[in-house]
Amino acid sequence: MGIEQFPEIETFQKLPRKVIVKGGSAGFDPKGHPELRGIVINNIGQPIRDIKVSLVLFNEQEIPILNKSTIPDPSAIPQGGISSFAFILDDYDQEIKNYYLYAAWKYDDSNW
């Protein structure tokens, strides 16, 4: 599912039943460091917590060259909730182009 499909989605029922991680805008921060911003959407049917988003960067030969993790804000979201994240890479000097995003999380069972 590409980011271009999001404007067509009217309700969360049309989204896949999973935690969706989407990178939105890539560019440079005011200090000149590459950055990538995006969102996490919870559509698994249960609240989740302890969310961590990971970014893997690849070079021209599709070899992983960098792996970073961040905690989105908020790090616990209910069903249908959205949180946002930003990666600002101090140790990388090129624009973020070829990458893979994934999320790790736990079920929020505090109310069970």
C-alpha atoms as a PDB file:
ATOM      1  CA  MET A   1       0.000   0.000   0.000  1.00  0.00           C
ATOM      2  CA  GLY A   2       1.646   3.203  -1.124  1.00  0.00           C
ATOM      3  CA  ILE A   3       1.298   6.615   0.488  1.00  0.00           C
ATOM      4  CA  GLU A   4      -0.575   7.804  -2.602  1.00  0.00           C
ATOM      5  CA  GLN A   5      -3.508   5.551  -1.631  1.00  0.00           C
ATOM      6  CA  PHE A   6      -4.128   7.255   1.718  1.00  0.00           C
ATOM      7  CA  PRO A   7      -6.330  10.108   0.362  1.00  0.00           C
ATOM      8  CA  GLU A   8      -8.684   7.489  -1.096  1.00  0.00           C
ATOM      9  CA  ILE A   9      -9.204   5.720   2.235  1.00  0.00           C
ATOM     10  CA  GLU A  10     -12.370   6.949   3.911  1.00  0.00           C
ATOM     11  CA  THR A  11     -12.452   4.744   7.015  1.00  0.00           C
ATOM     12  CA  PHE A  12     -10.103   2.520   8.969  1.00  0.00           C
ATOM     13  CA  GLN A  13     -12.166  -0.512   7.919  1.00  0.00           C
ATOM     14  CA  LYS A  14     -10.539  -0.286   4.467  1.00  0.00           C
ATOM     15  CA  LEU A  15      -7.010  -0.383   5.890  1.00  0.00           C
ATOM     16  CA  PRO A  16      -5.247  -3.732   6.388  1.00  0.00           C
ATOM     17  CA  ARG A  17      -5.589  -5.269   9.885  1.00  0.00           C
ATOM     18  CA  LYS A  18      -2.050  -4.478  11.048  1.00  0.00           C
ATOM     19  CA  VAL A  19       0.164  -1.755  12.459  1.00  0.00           C
ATOM     20  CA  ILE A  20       0.995   0.454   9.478  1.00  0.00           C
ATOM     21  CA  VAL A  21       4.208   2.495   9.308  1.00  0.00           C
ATOM     22  CA  LYS A  22       4.485   5.129   6.581  1.00  0.00           C
ATOM     23  CA  GLY A  23       7.347   7.476   5.850  1.00  0.00           C
ATOM     24  CA  GLY A  24       6.055  10.816   4.714  1.00  0.00           C
ATOM     25  CA  SER A  25       8.449  13.629   4.028  1.00  0.00           C
ATOM     26  CA  ALA A  26      12.183  13.217   3.620  1.00  0.00           C
ATOM     27  CA  GLY A  27      14.493  16.196   3.467  1.00  0.00           C
ATOM     28  CA  PHE A  28      16.991  18.058   5.609  1.00  0.00           C
ATOM     29  CA  ASP A  29      16.562  19.717   9.000  1.00  0.00           C
ATOM     30  CA  PRO A  30      17.697  23.342   9.597  1.00  0.00           C
ATOM     31  CA  LYS A  31      21.188  22.099  10.563  1.00  0.00           C
ATOM     32  CA  GLY A  32      21.566  20.242   7.256  1.00  0.00           C
ATOM     33  CA  HIS A  33      21.097  16.713   8.619  1.00  0.00           C
ATOM     34  CA  PRO A  34      18.908  14.317   6.624  1.00  0.00           C
ATOM     35  CA  GLU A  35      15.533  13.628   8.192  1.00  0.00           C
ATOM     36  CA  LEU A  36      12.531  11.388   7.600  1.00  0.00           C
ATOM     37  CA  ARG A  37       9.123  11.974   9.162  1.00  0.00           C
ATOM     38  CA  GLY A  38       6.149   9.645   9.160  1.00  0.00           C
ATOM     39  CA  ILE A  39       3.214   8.119  10.979  1.00  0.00           C
ATOM     40  CA  VAL A  40       2.200   4.886  12.691  1.00  0.00           C
ATOM     41  CA  ILE A  41      -1.450   3.779  12.419  1.00  0.00           C
ATOM     42  CA  ASN A  42      -2.859   1.129  14.755  1.00  0.00           C
ATOM     43  CA  ASN A  43      -5.451  -0.950  12.915  1.00  0.00           C
ATOM     44  CA  ILE A  44      -5.088  -4.358  14.588  1.00  0.00           C
ATOM     45  CA  GLY A  45      -8.221  -4.067  16.717  1.00  0.00           C
ATOM     46  CA  GLN A  46      -6.499  -3.676  20.106  1.00  0.00           C
ATOM     47  CA  PRO A  47      -4.602  -0.867  21.836  1.00  0.00           C
ATOM     48  CA  ILE A  48      -0.806  -1.126  21.583  1.00  0.00           C
ATOM     49  CA  ARG A  49       2.090   0.244  23.642  1.00  0.00           C
ATOM     50  CA  ASP A  50       5.892   0.383  23.710  1.00  0.00           C
ATOM     51  CA  ILE A  51       5.997   1.190  20.001  1.00  0.00           C
ATOM     52  CA  LYS A  52       9.424   1.477  18.404  1.00  0.00           C
ATOM     53  CA  VAL A  53       9.938   2.390  14.747  1.00  0.00           C
ATOM     54  CA  SER A  54      13.096   1.218  12.982  1.00  0.00           C
ATOM     55  CA  LEU A  55      14.668   2.608   9.819  1.00  0.00           C
ATOM     56  CA  VAL A  56      17.020   0.591   7.604  1.00  0.00           C
ATOM     57  CA  LEU A  57      18.920   2.507   4.895  1.00  0.00           C
ATOM     58  CA  PHE A  58      20.286   0.768   1.806  1.00  0.00           C
ATOM     59  CA  ASN A  59      23.058   1.769  -0.582  1.00  0.00           C
ATOM     60  CA  GLU A  60      22.937   1.539  -4.389  1.00  0.00           C
ATOM     61  CA  GLN A  61      23.608  -2.222  -4.302  1.00  0.00           C
ATOM     62  CA  GLU A  62      20.667  -2.800  -1.898  1.00  0.00           C
ATOM     63  CA  ILE A  63      23.032  -3.545   1.002  1.00  0.00           C
ATOM     64  CA  PRO A  64      21.928  -2.242   4.429  1.00  0.00           C
ATOM     65  CA  ILE A  65      24.251   0.534   5.579  1.00  0.00           C
ATOM     66  CA  LEU A  66      22.440   2.049   8.572  1.00  0.00           C
ATOM     67  CA  ASN A  67      19.844   0.928  11.109  1.00  0.00           C
ATOM     68  CA  LYS A  68      18.258   3.403  13.556  1.00  0.00           C
ATOM     69  CA  SER A  69      15.297   3.216  15.907  1.00  0.00           C
ATOM     70  CA  THR A  70      13.077   5.848  17.484  1.00  0.00           C
ATOM     71  CA  ILE A  71      10.030   5.993  19.712  1.00  0.00           C
ATOM     72  CA  PRO A  72       7.013   7.726  18.139  1.00  0.00           C
ATOM     73  CA  ASP A  73       4.878  10.272  19.951  1.00  0.00           C
ATOM     74  CA  PRO A  74       2.720   8.957  21.577  1.00  0.00           C
ATOM     75  CA  SER A  75       4.278   5.540  22.153  1.00  0.00           C
ATOM     76  CA  ALA A  76       0.939   3.950  23.113  1.00  0.00           C
ATOM     77  CA  ILE A  77      -2.082   4.298  20.847  1.00  0.00           C
ATOM     78  CA  PRO A  78      -5.623   2.916  20.863  1.00  0.00           C
ATOM     79  CA  GLN A  79      -7.265   1.100  17.968  1.00  0.00           C
ATOM     80  CA  GLY A  80      -7.497   3.600  15.105  1.00  0.00           C
ATOM     81  CA  GLY A  81      -4.938   5.894  16.745  1.00  0.00           C
ATOM     82  CA  ILE A  82      -2.080   7.609  14.958  1.00  0.00           C
ATOM     83  CA  SER A  83       1.337   8.587  16.270  1.00  0.00           C
ATOM     84  CA  SER A  84       4.170  10.392  14.525  1.00  0.00           C
ATOM     85  CA  PHE A  85       7.913   9.904  14.370  1.00  0.00           C
ATOM     86  CA  ALA A  86      10.984  11.645  13.008  1.00  0.00           C
ATOM     87  CA  PHE A  87      14.447  10.344  12.222  1.00  0.00           C
ATOM     88  CA  ILE A  88      17.207  12.956  12.139  1.00  0.00           C
ATOM     89  CA  LEU A  89      20.487  11.350  11.111  1.00  0.00           C
ATOM     90  CA  ASP A  90      23.598  13.087  12.419  1.00  0.00           C
ATOM     91  CA  ASP A  91      25.950  10.402  11.075  1.00  0.00           C
ATOM     92  CA  TYR A  92      24.654  10.298   7.484  1.00  0.00           C
ATOM     93  CA  ASP A  93      25.129  13.070   4.921  1.00  0.00           C
ATOM     94  CA  GLN A  94      22.899  12.100   1.969  1.00  0.00           C
ATOM     95  CA  GLU A  95      19.184  12.424   1.369  1.00  0.00           C
ATOM     96  CA  ILE A  96      17.156   9.473   2.672  1.00  0.00           C
ATOM     97  CA  LYS A  97      15.905   7.679  -0.448  1.00  0.00           C
ATOM     98  CA  ASN A  98      16.198   3.888  -0.358  1.00  0.00           C
ATOM     99  CA  TYR A  99      14.877   2.731   3.021  1.00  0.00           C
ATOM    100  CA  TYR A 100      12.646   0.269   4.856  1.00  0.00           C
ATOM    101  CA  LEU A 101      10.501   1.084   7.913  1.00  0.00           C
ATOM    102  CA  TYR A 102       9.067  -1.369  10.423  1.00  0.00           C
ATOM    103  CA  ALA A 103       7.527  -1.203  13.890  1.00  0.00           C
ATOM    104  CA  ALA A 104       7.834  -3.320  17.012  1.00  0.00           C
ATOM    105  CA  TRP A 105       5.131  -3.081  19.679  1.00  0.00           C
ATOM    106  CA  LYS A 106       3.263  -4.907  22.457  1.00  0.00           C
ATOM    107  CA  TYR A 107      -0.425  -5.298  23.111  1.00  0.00           C
ATOM    108  CA  ASP A 108      -1.655  -2.869  25.759  1.00  0.00           C
ATOM    109  CA  ASP A 109      -3.186  -5.372  28.157  1.00  0.00           C
ATOM    110  CA  SER A 110      -3.439  -3.003  31.136  1.00  0.00           C
ATOM    111  CA  ASN A 111      -7.259  -2.969  30.960  1.00  0.00           C
ATOM    112  CA  TRP A 112      -7.752  -6.718  30.413  1.00  0.00           C
END
